[in-house]
Amino acid sequence: MAEPKGTKTITLGPEQEQPSPESFGQRKRPEIGQFRLQVDRQTKASYTTREAAEAAGLAIKKTYPILQVVVHDAAEGVHQPIELPSA
């Protein structure tokens, strides 16, 4: 094989000593509430009251009835499935 004619060098600027601010993306989200809304075993949101979590879960369940929607109480470790009301 032929050897490369030249090499490229990349010079970087001075290193930043300041840590970048922590951004919450897909990997890490802040958990502020005790009640977590889970859809198909994936945590989607966190709420401070059970009623708010159940209302959001019921809205999702009405739109997509085949999904498994659960409210998880982090303090007690209890899962409560959301079911559609009988007509």
C-alpha atoms as a PDB file:
ATOM      1  CA  MET A   1       0.000   0.000   0.000  1.00  0.00           C
ATOM      2  CA  ALA A   2       1.092   3.528  -0.625  1.00  0.00           C
ATOM      3  CA  GLU A   3       1.927   5.692   2.342  1.00  0.00           C
ATOM      4  CA  PRO A   4       0.056   8.971   2.778  1.00  0.00           C
ATOM      5  CA  LYS A   5       1.878  12.001   1.373  1.00  0.00           C
ATOM      6  CA  GLY A   6       1.218  14.197   4.353  1.00  0.00           C
ATOM      7  CA  THR A   7      -0.451  14.144   7.708  1.00  0.00           C
ATOM      8  CA  LYS A   8      -2.994  16.511   9.068  1.00  0.00           C
ATOM      9  CA  THR A   9      -2.774  17.894  12.547  1.00  0.00           C
ATOM     10  CA  ILE A  10      -5.653  19.415  14.390  1.00  0.00           C
ATOM     11  CA  THR A  11      -4.947  22.031  17.007  1.00  0.00           C
ATOM     12  CA  LEU A  12      -7.572  22.557  19.652  1.00  0.00           C
ATOM     13  CA  GLY A  13      -8.204  25.786  21.484  1.00  0.00           C
ATOM     14  CA  PRO A  14      -7.628  26.192  25.203  1.00  0.00           C
ATOM     15  CA  GLU A  15      -9.539  23.709  27.322  1.00  0.00           C
ATOM     16  CA  GLN A  16     -12.589  24.925  29.116  1.00  0.00           C
ATOM     17  CA  GLU A  17     -12.251  24.575  32.858  1.00  0.00           C
ATOM     18  CA  GLN A  18     -15.888  25.427  33.505  1.00  0.00           C
ATOM     19  CA  PRO A  19     -18.177  22.420  33.684  1.00  0.00           C
ATOM     20  CA  SER A  20     -21.058  22.668  31.288  1.00  0.00           C
ATOM     21  CA  PRO A  21     -24.466  23.073  32.919  1.00  0.00           C
ATOM     22  CA  GLU A  22     -26.215  19.777  33.463  1.00  0.00           C
ATOM     23  CA  SER A  23     -28.910  19.300  30.877  1.00  0.00           C
ATOM     24  CA  PHE A  24     -31.706  16.831  31.405  1.00  0.00           C
ATOM     25  CA  GLY A  25     -32.240  15.015  28.145  1.00  0.00           C
ATOM     26  CA  GLN A  26     -33.546  11.639  27.245  1.00  0.00           C
ATOM     27  CA  ARG A  27     -31.197   9.805  29.572  1.00  0.00           C
ATOM     28  CA  LYS A  28     -31.831  11.664  32.818  1.00  0.00           C
ATOM     29  CA  ARG A  29     -34.938  13.506  33.904  1.00  0.00           C
ATOM     30  CA  PRO A  30     -35.554  15.224  37.189  1.00  0.00           C
ATOM     31  CA  GLU A  31     -38.040  13.400  39.389  1.00  0.00           C
ATOM     32  CA  ILE A  32     -39.941  15.984  41.370  1.00  0.00           C
ATOM     33  CA  GLY A  33     -43.155  14.183  42.254  1.00  0.00           C
ATOM     34  CA  GLN A  34     -44.052  11.146  44.284  1.00  0.00           C
ATOM     35  CA  PHE A  35     -46.415   9.720  41.666  1.00  0.00           C
ATOM     36  CA  ARG A  36     -45.007   8.580  38.337  1.00  0.00           C
ATOM     37  CA  LEU A  37     -47.076   7.891  35.233  1.00  0.00           C
ATOM     38  CA  GLN A  38     -45.852   4.826  33.363  1.00  0.00           C
ATOM     39  CA  VAL A  39     -46.999   3.820  29.891  1.00  0.00           C
ATOM     40  CA  ASP A  40     -45.984   0.322  28.790  1.00  0.00           C
ATOM     41  CA  ARG A  41     -43.417   0.214  31.628  1.00  0.00           C
ATOM     42  CA  GLN A  42     -41.788   3.494  30.603  1.00  0.00           C
ATOM     43  CA  THR A  43     -41.957   6.449  32.964  1.00  0.00           C
ATOM     44  CA  LYS A  44     -43.420   9.413  31.113  1.00  0.00           C
ATOM     45  CA  ALA A  45     -44.089  12.043  33.789  1.00  0.00           C
ATOM     46  CA  SER A  46     -43.936  12.748  37.498  1.00  0.00           C
ATOM     47  CA  TYR A  47     -46.736  14.337  39.537  1.00  0.00           C
ATOM     48  CA  THR A  48     -47.044  15.595  43.089  1.00  0.00           C
ATOM     49  CA  THR A  49     -50.621  14.300  43.559  1.00  0.00           C
ATOM     50  CA  ARG A  50     -52.228  10.991  42.721  1.00  0.00           C
ATOM     51  CA  GLU A  51     -55.280  12.740  41.224  1.00  0.00           C
ATOM     52  CA  ALA A  52     -53.169  14.610  38.664  1.00  0.00           C
ATOM     53  CA  ALA A  53     -51.355  11.416  37.661  1.00  0.00           C
ATOM     54  CA  GLU A  54     -54.626   9.494  37.355  1.00  0.00           C
ATOM     55  CA  ALA A  55     -56.215  12.253  35.246  1.00  0.00           C
ATOM     56  CA  ALA A  56     -53.267  12.261  32.838  1.00  0.00           C
ATOM     57  CA  GLY A  57     -53.251   8.452  32.731  1.00  0.00           C
ATOM     58  CA  LEU A  58     -56.976   8.300  32.018  1.00  0.00           C
ATOM     59  CA  ALA A  59     -56.597  10.759  29.135  1.00  0.00           C
ATOM     60  CA  ILE A  60     -53.891   8.540  27.610  1.00  0.00           C
ATOM     61  CA  LYS A  61     -55.940   5.381  28.204  1.00  0.00           C
ATOM     62  CA  LYS A  62     -59.021   6.905  26.512  1.00  0.00           C
ATOM     63  CA  THR A  63     -56.972   7.837  23.456  1.00  0.00           C
ATOM     64  CA  TYR A  64     -54.999   4.572  23.306  1.00  0.00           C
ATOM     65  CA  PRO A  65     -57.001   1.870  25.140  1.00  0.00           C
ATOM     66  CA  ILE A  66     -54.603  -0.957  24.285  1.00  0.00           C
ATOM     67  CA  LEU A  67     -51.675   0.588  26.186  1.00  0.00           C
ATOM     68  CA  GLN A  68     -50.827  -0.433  29.728  1.00  0.00           C
ATOM     69  CA  VAL A  69     -51.065   2.728  31.871  1.00  0.00           C
ATOM     70  CA  VAL A  70     -49.998   2.624  35.525  1.00  0.00           C
ATOM     71  CA  VAL A  71     -49.555   5.165  38.320  1.00  0.00           C
ATOM     72  CA  HIS A  72     -46.573   4.260  40.511  1.00  0.00           C
ATOM     73  CA  ASP A  73     -46.339   5.617  44.063  1.00  0.00           C
ATOM     74  CA  ALA A  74     -42.611   6.011  44.736  1.00  0.00           C
ATOM     75  CA  ALA A  75     -43.006   6.448  48.504  1.00  0.00           C
ATOM     76  CA  GLU A  76     -45.086   3.307  49.077  1.00  0.00           C
ATOM     77  CA  GLY A  77     -43.860   1.290  46.088  1.00  0.00           C
ATOM     78  CA  VAL A  78     -47.398   0.578  44.858  1.00  0.00           C
ATOM     79  CA  HIS A  79     -48.536   0.297  41.227  1.00  0.00           C
ATOM     80  CA  GLN A  80     -52.138   1.202  40.369  1.00  0.00           C
ATOM     81  CA  PRO A  81     -53.295   0.295  36.834  1.00  0.00           C
ATOM     82  CA  ILE A  82     -55.569   2.756  35.034  1.00  0.00           C
ATOM     83  CA  GLU A  83     -58.694   1.163  33.571  1.00  0.00           C
ATOM     84  CA  LEU A  84     -61.379   2.684  31.387  1.00  0.00           C
ATOM     85  CA  PRO A  85     -64.680   3.246  33.182  1.00  0.00           C
ATOM     86  CA  SER A  86     -67.454   0.850  32.193  1.00  0.00           C
ATOM     87  CA  ALA A  87     -70.124   2.374  29.973  1.00  0.00           C
END
